[in-house]
Amino acid sequence: MKVTVIGSHLCPDTLYALGQFSARKVEIDFRDLSASLPDLKVYLAVRESEPVYAAVREKGSLGIPCFVLEDGSVTLELEEVLG
């Protein structure tokens, strides 16, 4: 399984998720919003278009980390990815 993780190295939740994936030997593609404007643009497109972000947008929250699975599905729940 390969997971794209969209987050920030400044975010404790992102760092925790990365640690969990590393411990389980999950292949990841990390998109760091704090270090890359192209990654930020990808994130903003996901945030504005994915239904999973409706509540996040309503609250004005950031909504990271975000996990994009190989099948293209998007979730904000680490446990959903780890099973």
PDB file of N, CA and C in Angstrom:
ATOM      1  N   MET A   1       0.845  -1.176   0.000  1.00  0.00           N
ATOM      2  CA  MET A   1       0.000   0.000   0.000  1.00  0.00           C
ATOM      3  C   MET A   1       0.891   1.239   0.000  1.00  0.00           C
ATOM      4  N   LYS A   2       0.527   2.215  -0.827  1.00  0.00           N
ATOM      5  CA  LYS A   2       1.219   3.498  -0.837  1.00  0.00           C
ATOM      6  C   LYS A   2       0.197   4.576  -0.500  1.00  0.00           C
ATOM      7  N   VAL A   3       0.593   5.492   0.375  1.00  0.00           N
ATOM      8  CA  VAL A   3      -0.289   6.559   0.828  1.00  0.00           C
ATOM      9  C   VAL A   3       0.395   7.896   0.589  1.00  0.00           C
ATOM     10  N   THR A   4      -0.342   8.830   0.003  1.00  0.00           N
ATOM     11  CA  THR A   4       0.154  10.196  -0.102  1.00  0.00           C
ATOM     12  C   THR A   4      -0.307  10.922   1.155  1.00  0.00           C
ATOM     13  N   VAL A   5       0.649  11.488   1.861  1.00  0.00           N
ATOM     14  CA  VAL A   5       0.357  12.230   3.083  1.00  0.00           C
ATOM     15  C   VAL A   5       0.574  13.698   2.773  1.00  0.00           C
ATOM     16  N   ILE A   6      -0.495  14.478   2.907  1.00  0.00           N
ATOM     17  CA  ILE A   6      -0.394  15.920   2.712  1.00  0.00           C
ATOM     18  C   ILE A   6      -0.463  16.551   4.091  1.00  0.00           C
ATOM     19  N   GLY A   7       0.588  17.256   4.453  1.00  0.00           N
ATOM     20  CA  GLY A   7       0.650  17.844   5.781  1.00  0.00           C
ATOM     21  C   GLY A   7       1.797  18.826   5.888  1.00  0.00           C
ATOM     22  N   SER A   8       2.303  18.971   7.090  1.00  0.00           N
ATOM     23  CA  SER A   8       3.395  19.903   7.346  1.00  0.00           C
ATOM     24  C   SER A   8       4.325  19.332   8.401  1.00  0.00           C
ATOM     25  N   HIS A   9       5.605  19.550   8.206  1.00  0.00           N
ATOM     26  CA  HIS A   9       6.564  19.113   9.222  1.00  0.00           C
ATOM     27  C   HIS A   9       6.444  19.959  10.489  1.00  0.00           C
ATOM     28  N   LEU A  10       5.623  21.001  10.454  1.00  0.00           N
ATOM     29  CA  LEU A  10       5.371  21.842  11.622  1.00  0.00           C
ATOM     30  C   LEU A  10       4.144  21.383  12.416  1.00  0.00           C
ATOM     31  N   CYS A  11       3.422  20.397  11.885  1.00  0.00           N
ATOM     32  CA  CYS A  11       2.169  19.928  12.482  1.00  0.00           C
ATOM     33  C   CYS A  11       2.401  18.651  13.290  1.00  0.00           C
ATOM     34  N   PRO A  12       2.109  18.673  14.599  1.00  0.00           N
ATOM     35  CA  PRO A  12       2.314  17.474  15.420  1.00  0.00           C
ATOM     36  C   PRO A  12       1.501  16.269  14.939  1.00  0.00           C
ATOM     37  N   ASP A  13       0.302  16.488  14.437  1.00  0.00           N
ATOM     38  CA  ASP A  13      -0.516  15.374  13.953  1.00  0.00           C
ATOM     39  C   ASP A  13       0.101  14.742  12.710  1.00  0.00           C
ATOM     40  N   THR A  14       0.665  15.575  11.841  1.00  0.00           N
ATOM     41  CA  THR A  14       1.346  15.052  10.659  1.00  0.00           C
ATOM     42  C   THR A  14       2.562  14.235  11.064  1.00  0.00           C
ATOM     43  N   LEU A  15       3.350  14.755  11.988  1.00  0.00           N
ATOM     44  CA  LEU A  15       4.546  14.042  12.441  1.00  0.00           C
ATOM     45  C   LEU A  15       4.178  12.704  13.077  1.00  0.00           C
ATOM     46  N   TYR A  16       3.104  12.684  13.847  1.00  0.00           N
ATOM     47  CA  TYR A  16       2.643  11.435  14.464  1.00  0.00           C
ATOM     48  C   TYR A  16       2.263  10.425  13.377  1.00  0.00           C
ATOM     49  N   ALA A  17       1.498  10.880  12.386  1.00  0.00           N
ATOM     50  CA  ALA A  17       1.070   9.985  11.308  1.00  0.00           C
ATOM     51  C   ALA A  17       2.275   9.432  10.550  1.00  0.00           C
ATOM     52  N   LEU A  18       3.239  10.288  10.247  1.00  0.00           N
ATOM     53  CA  LEU A  18       4.437   9.830   9.541  1.00  0.00           C
ATOM     54  C   LEU A  18       5.169   8.767  10.357  1.00  0.00           C
ATOM     55  N   GLY A  19       5.233   8.957  11.660  1.00  0.00           N
ATOM     56  CA  GLY A  19       5.861   7.968  12.533  1.00  0.00           C
ATOM     57  C   GLY A  19       5.125   6.644  12.523  1.00  0.00           C
ATOM     58  N   GLN A  20       3.803   6.697  12.516  1.00  0.00           N
ATOM     59  CA  GLN A  20       2.998   5.472  12.483  1.00  0.00           C
ATOM     60  C   GLN A  20       3.211   4.719  11.176  1.00  0.00           C
ATOM     61  N   PHE A  21       3.256   5.444  10.072  1.00  0.00           N
ATOM     62  CA  PHE A  21       3.490   4.800   8.777  1.00  0.00           C
ATOM     63  C   PHE A  21       4.884   4.188   8.722  1.00  0.00           C
ATOM     64  N   SER A  22       5.862   4.912   9.239  1.00  0.00           N
ATOM     65  CA  SER A  22       7.241   4.413   9.248  1.00  0.00           C
ATOM     66  C   SER A  22       7.341   3.129  10.071  1.00  0.00           C
ATOM     67  N   ALA A  23       6.719   3.111  11.232  1.00  0.00           N
ATOM     68  CA  ALA A  23       6.761   1.938  12.105  1.00  0.00           C
ATOM     69  C   ALA A  23       6.113   0.718  11.451  1.00  0.00           C
ATOM     70  N   ARG A  24       5.146   0.961  10.588  1.00  0.00           N
ATOM     71  CA  ARG A  24       4.437  -0.138   9.920  1.00  0.00           C
ATOM     72  C   ARG A  24       4.976  -0.401   8.517  1.00  0.00           C
ATOM     73  N   LYS A  25       6.057   0.300   8.157  1.00  0.00           N
ATOM     74  CA  LYS A  25       6.703   0.118   6.848  1.00  0.00           C
ATOM     75  C   LYS A  25       5.762   0.410   5.685  1.00  0.00           C
ATOM     76  N   VAL A  26       4.863   1.394   5.858  1.00  0.00           N
ATOM     77  CA  VAL A  26       3.955   1.810   4.798  1.00  0.00           C
ATOM     78  C   VAL A  26       4.702   2.782   3.888  1.00  0.00           C
ATOM     79  N   GLU A  27       4.621   2.533   2.588  1.00  0.00           N
ATOM     80  CA  GLU A  27       5.258   3.431   1.623  1.00  0.00           C
ATOM     81  C   GLU A  27       4.439   4.720   1.539  1.00  0.00           C
ATOM     82  N   ILE A  28       5.121   5.859   1.696  1.00  0.00           N
ATOM     83  CA  ILE A  28       4.415   7.132   1.659  1.00  0.00           C
ATOM     84  C   ILE A  28       5.047   8.076   0.647  1.00  0.00           C
ATOM     85  N   ASP A  29       4.232   8.994   0.190  1.00  0.00           N
ATOM     86  CA  ASP A  29       4.660  10.126  -0.616  1.00  0.00           C
ATOM     87  C   ASP A  29       4.251  11.347   0.206  1.00  0.00           C
ATOM     88  N   PHE A  30       5.209  11.985   0.864  1.00  0.00           N
ATOM     89  CA  PHE A  30       4.913  13.099   1.763  1.00  0.00           C
ATOM     90  C   PHE A  30       4.924  14.411   1.005  1.00  0.00           C
ATOM     91  N   ARG A  31       3.828  15.136   1.069  1.00  0.00           N
ATOM     92  CA  ARG A  31       3.696  16.459   0.471  1.00  0.00           C
ATOM     93  C   ARG A  31       3.688  17.466   1.603  1.00  0.00           C
ATOM     94  N   ASP A  32       4.779  18.215   1.738  1.00  0.00           N
ATOM     95  CA  ASP A  32       4.968  19.147   2.851  1.00  0.00           C
ATOM     96  C   ASP A  32       4.529  20.549   2.453  1.00  0.00           C
ATOM     97  N   LEU A  33       3.381  20.964   2.980  1.00  0.00           N
ATOM     98  CA  LEU A  33       2.824  22.279   2.656  1.00  0.00           C
ATOM     99  C   LEU A  33       3.728  23.429   3.081  1.00  0.00           C
ATOM    100  N   SER A  34       4.525  23.202   4.099  1.00  0.00           N
ATOM    101  CA  SER A  34       5.383  24.256   4.632  1.00  0.00           C
ATOM    102  C   SER A  34       6.647  24.455   3.804  1.00  0.00           C
ATOM    103  N   ALA A  35       6.939  23.506   2.935  1.00  0.00           N
ATOM    104  CA  ALA A  35       8.204  23.556   2.206  1.00  0.00           C
ATOM    105  C   ALA A  35       8.047  23.661   0.698  1.00  0.00           C
ATOM    106  N   SER A  36       6.824  23.539   0.182  1.00  0.00           N
ATOM    107  CA  SER A  36       6.654  23.464  -1.259  1.00  0.00           C
ATOM    108  C   SER A  36       5.361  24.133  -1.715  1.00  0.00           C
ATOM    109  N   LEU A  37       5.498  25.167  -2.506  1.00  0.00           N
ATOM    110  CA  LEU A  37       4.306  25.819  -3.053  1.00  0.00           C
ATOM    111  C   LEU A  37       3.537  24.902  -4.005  1.00  0.00           C
ATOM    112  N   PRO A  38       4.202  24.102  -4.843  1.00  0.00           N
ATOM    113  CA  PRO A  38       3.425  23.166  -5.661  1.00  0.00           C
ATOM    114  C   PRO A  38       2.609  22.186  -4.816  1.00  0.00           C
ATOM    115  N   ASP A  39       3.177  21.702  -3.704  1.00  0.00           N
ATOM    116  CA  ASP A  39       2.422  20.812  -2.819  1.00  0.00           C
ATOM    117  C   ASP A  39       1.249  21.540  -2.173  1.00  0.00           C
ATOM    118  N   LEU A  40       1.441  22.796  -1.829  1.00  0.00           N
ATOM    119  CA  LEU A  40       0.356  23.601  -1.268  1.00  0.00           C
ATOM    120  C   LEU A  40      -0.775  23.741  -2.273  1.00  0.00           C
ATOM    121  N   LYS A  41      -0.448  23.951  -3.536  1.00  0.00           N
ATOM    122  CA  LYS A  41      -1.469  24.071  -4.580  1.00  0.00           C
ATOM    123  C   LYS A  41      -2.253  22.771  -4.730  1.00  0.00           C
ATOM    124  N   VAL A  42      -1.547  21.641  -4.677  1.00  0.00           N
ATOM    125  CA  VAL A  42      -2.226  20.339  -4.757  1.00  0.00           C
ATOM    126  C   VAL A  42      -3.187  20.197  -3.582  1.00  0.00           C
ATOM    127  N   TYR A  43      -2.712  20.538  -2.391  1.00  0.00           N
ATOM    128  CA  TYR A  43      -3.552  20.437  -1.200  1.00  0.00           C
ATOM    129  C   TYR A  43      -4.799  21.315  -1.314  1.00  0.00           C
ATOM    130  N   LEU A  44      -4.625  22.550  -1.744  1.00  0.00           N
ATOM    131  CA  LEU A  44      -5.766  23.457  -1.845  1.00  0.00           C
ATOM    132  C   LEU A  44      -6.807  22.929  -2.825  1.00  0.00           C
ATOM    133  N   ALA A  45      -6.361  22.316  -3.918  1.00  0.00           N
ATOM    134  CA  ALA A  45      -7.305  21.721  -4.869  1.00  0.00           C
ATOM    135  C   ALA A  45      -8.080  20.584  -4.215  1.00  0.00           C
ATOM    136  N   VAL A  46      -7.394  19.752  -3.440  1.00  0.00           N
ATOM    137  CA  VAL A  46      -8.056  18.652  -2.736  1.00  0.00           C
ATOM    138  C   VAL A  46      -9.028  19.210  -1.699  1.00  0.00           C
ATOM    139  N   ARG A  47      -8.579  20.171  -0.923  1.00  0.00           N
ATOM    140  CA  ARG A  47      -9.400  20.749   0.155  1.00  0.00           C
ATOM    141  C   ARG A  47     -10.675  21.387  -0.385  1.00  0.00           C
ATOM    142  N   GLU A  48     -10.582  21.995  -1.542  1.00  0.00           N
ATOM    143  CA  GLU A  48     -11.747  22.686  -2.100  1.00  0.00           C
ATOM    144  C   GLU A  48     -12.698  21.762  -2.852  1.00  0.00           C
ATOM    145  N   SER A  49     -12.232  20.572  -3.230  1.00  0.00           N
ATOM    146  CA  SER A  49     -13.070  19.719  -4.068  1.00  0.00           C
ATOM    147  C   SER A  49     -13.581  18.443  -3.394  1.00  0.00           C
ATOM    148  N   GLU A  50     -12.931  17.986  -2.349  1.00  0.00           N
ATOM    149  CA  GLU A  50     -13.304  16.713  -1.733  1.00  0.00           C
ATOM    150  C   GLU A  50     -14.406  16.889  -0.691  1.00  0.00           C
ATOM    151  N   PRO A  51     -15.446  16.060  -0.777  1.00  0.00           N
ATOM    152  CA  PRO A  51     -16.541  16.126   0.196  1.00  0.00           C
ATOM    153  C   PRO A  51     -16.085  15.938   1.643  1.00  0.00           C
ATOM    154  N   VAL A  52     -15.018  15.165   1.864  1.00  0.00           N
ATOM    155  CA  VAL A  52     -14.532  14.918   3.217  1.00  0.00           C
ATOM    156  C   VAL A  52     -14.123  16.234   3.903  1.00  0.00           C
ATOM    157  N   TYR A  53     -13.890  17.270   3.130  1.00  0.00           N
ATOM    158  CA  TYR A  53     -13.467  18.554   3.681  1.00  0.00           C
ATOM    159  C   TYR A  53     -14.623  19.519   3.969  1.00  0.00           C
ATOM    160  N   ALA A  54     -15.855  19.125   3.748  1.00  0.00           N
ATOM    161  CA  ALA A  54     -16.991  20.029   3.959  1.00  0.00           C
ATOM    162  C   ALA A  54     -17.005  20.601   5.376  1.00  0.00           C
ATOM    163  N   ALA A  55     -16.899  19.752   6.369  1.00  0.00           N
ATOM    164  CA  ALA A  55     -16.932  20.215   7.769  1.00  0.00           C
ATOM    165  C   ALA A  55     -15.697  21.046   8.094  1.00  0.00           C
ATOM    166  N   VAL A  56     -14.564  20.677   7.536  1.00  0.00           N
ATOM    167  CA  VAL A  56     -13.319  21.421   7.765  1.00  0.00           C
ATOM    168  C   VAL A  56     -13.456  22.832   7.216  1.00  0.00           C
ATOM    169  N   ARG A  57     -13.999  22.947   6.013  1.00  0.00           N
ATOM    170  CA  ARG A  57     -14.204  24.274   5.406  1.00  0.00           C
ATOM    171  C   ARG A  57     -15.183  25.109   6.231  1.00  0.00           C
ATOM    172  N   GLU A  58     -16.252  24.478   6.713  1.00  0.00           N
ATOM    173  CA  GLU A  58     -17.247  25.199   7.523  1.00  0.00           C
ATOM    174  C   GLU A  58     -16.631  25.800   8.783  1.00  0.00           C
ATOM    175  N   LYS A  59     -15.749  25.036   9.414  1.00  0.00           N
ATOM    176  CA  LYS A  59     -15.121  25.488  10.655  1.00  0.00           C
ATOM    177  C   LYS A  59     -13.943  26.420  10.400  1.00  0.00           C
ATOM    178  N   GLY A  60     -13.484  26.488   9.147  1.00  0.00           N
ATOM    179  CA  GLY A  60     -12.319  27.306   8.845  1.00  0.00           C
ATOM    180  C   GLY A  60     -11.025  26.665   9.304  1.00  0.00           C
ATOM    181  N   SER A  61     -11.057  25.356   9.482  1.00  0.00           N
ATOM    182  CA  SER A  61      -9.868  24.617   9.916  1.00  0.00           C
ATOM    183  C   SER A  61      -8.969  24.314   8.723  1.00  0.00           C
ATOM    184  N   LEU A  62      -7.764  23.882   9.018  1.00  0.00           N
ATOM    185  CA  LEU A  62      -6.814  23.553   7.957  1.00  0.00           C
ATOM    186  C   LEU A  62      -7.051  22.153   7.401  1.00  0.00           C
ATOM    187  N   GLY A  63      -7.216  21.169   8.278  1.00  0.00           N
ATOM    188  CA  GLY A  63      -7.527  19.818   7.817  1.00  0.00           C
ATOM    189  C   GLY A  63      -6.319  19.007   7.389  1.00  0.00           C
ATOM    190  N   ILE A  64      -5.251  19.076   8.169  1.00  0.00           N
ATOM    191  CA  ILE A  64      -4.098  18.226   7.896  1.00  0.00           C
ATOM    192  C   ILE A  64      -3.773  17.418   9.142  1.00  0.00           C
ATOM    193  N   PRO A  65      -3.206  16.269   8.973  1.00  0.00           N
ATOM    194  CA  PRO A  65      -2.799  15.661   7.723  1.00  0.00           C
ATOM    195  C   PRO A  65      -3.985  15.094   6.942  1.00  0.00           C
ATOM    196  N   CYS A  66      -3.764  15.007   5.665  1.00  0.00           N
ATOM    197  CA  CYS A  66      -4.730  14.443   4.729  1.00  0.00           C
ATOM    198  C   CYS A  66      -4.076  13.224   4.095  1.00  0.00           C
ATOM    199  N   PHE A  67      -4.839  12.183   3.892  1.00  0.00           N
ATOM    200  CA  PHE A  67      -4.310  10.943   3.342  1.00  0.00           C
ATOM    201  C   PHE A  67      -5.032  10.603   2.044  1.00  0.00           C
ATOM    202  N   VAL A  68      -4.267  10.436   0.983  1.00  0.00           N
ATOM    203  CA  VAL A  68      -4.821  10.034  -0.308  1.00  0.00           C
ATOM    204  C   VAL A  68      -4.340   8.611  -0.567  1.00  0.00           C
ATOM    205  N   LEU A  69      -5.300   7.706  -0.685  1.00  0.00           N
ATOM    206  CA  LEU A  69      -4.979   6.293  -0.880  1.00  0.00           C
ATOM    207  C   LEU A  69      -4.742   5.988  -2.354  1.00  0.00           C
ATOM    208  N   GLU A  70      -4.210   4.815  -2.621  1.00  0.00           N
ATOM    209  CA  GLU A  70      -3.888   4.424  -4.001  1.00  0.00           C
ATOM    210  C   GLU A  70      -5.092   4.465  -4.922  1.00  0.00           C
ATOM    211  N   ASP A  71      -6.274   4.199  -4.390  1.00  0.00           N
ATOM    212  CA  ASP A  71      -7.477   4.209  -5.223  1.00  0.00           C
ATOM    213  C   ASP A  71      -8.036   5.616  -5.436  1.00  0.00           C
ATOM    214  N   GLY A  72      -7.349   6.632  -4.889  1.00  0.00           N
ATOM    215  CA  GLY A  72      -7.771   8.014  -5.059  1.00  0.00           C
ATOM    216  C   GLY A  72      -8.688   8.525  -3.974  1.00  0.00           C
ATOM    217  N   SER A  73      -9.113   7.656  -3.070  1.00  0.00           N
ATOM    218  CA  SER A  73      -9.987   8.107  -1.989  1.00  0.00           C
ATOM    219  C   SER A  73      -9.196   8.958  -1.001  1.00  0.00           C
ATOM    220  N   VAL A  74      -9.901   9.885  -0.361  1.00  0.00           N
ATOM    221  CA  VAL A  74      -9.280  10.851   0.542  1.00  0.00           C
ATOM    222  C   VAL A  74      -9.914  10.720   1.920  1.00  0.00           C
ATOM    223  N   THR A  75      -9.072  10.726   2.943  1.00  0.00           N
ATOM    224  CA  THR A  75      -9.563  10.689   4.318  1.00  0.00           C
ATOM    225  C   THR A  75      -8.681  11.558   5.202  1.00  0.00           C
ATOM    226  N   LEU A  76      -9.253  11.973   6.290  1.00  0.00           N
ATOM    227  CA  LEU A  76      -8.519  12.731   7.299  1.00  0.00           C
ATOM    228  C   LEU A  76      -8.258  11.866   8.530  1.00  0.00           C
ATOM    229  N   GLU A  77      -8.676  10.614   8.490  1.00  0.00           N
ATOM    230  CA  GLU A  77      -8.611   9.708   9.636  1.00  0.00           C
ATOM    231  C   GLU A  77      -7.470   8.711   9.497  1.00  0.00           C
ATOM    232  N   LEU A  78      -6.449   8.860  10.327  1.00  0.00           N
ATOM    233  CA  LEU A  78      -5.301   7.957  10.305  1.00  0.00           C
ATOM    234  C   LEU A  78      -5.730   6.515  10.544  1.00  0.00           C
ATOM    235  N   GLU A  79      -6.590   6.285  11.507  1.00  0.00           N
ATOM    236  CA  GLU A  79      -7.023   4.918  11.819  1.00  0.00           C
ATOM    237  C   GLU A  79      -7.729   4.256  10.640  1.00  0.00           C
ATOM    238  N   GLU A  80      -8.391   5.044   9.830  1.00  0.00           N
ATOM    239  CA  GLU A  80      -9.049   4.504   8.641  1.00  0.00           C
ATOM    240  C   GLU A  80      -8.006   3.957   7.655  1.00  0.00           C
ATOM    241  N   VAL A  81      -6.878   4.610   7.580  1.00  0.00           N
ATOM    242  CA  VAL A  81      -5.808   4.185   6.684  1.00  0.00           C
ATOM    243  C   VAL A  81      -5.073   2.980   7.254  1.00  0.00           C
ATOM    244  N   LEU A  82      -4.796   3.011   8.534  1.00  0.00           N
ATOM    245  CA  LEU A  82      -4.026   1.934   9.161  1.00  0.00           C
ATOM    246  C   LEU A  82      -4.847   0.670   9.375  1.00  0.00           C
ATOM    247  N   GLY A  83      -6.184   0.839   9.425  1.00  0.00           N
ATOM    248  CA  GLY A  83      -7.070  -0.313   9.602  1.00  0.00           C
ATOM    249  C   GLY A  83      -7.050  -0.816  10.945  1.00  0.00           C
TER     250      GLY A  83
END
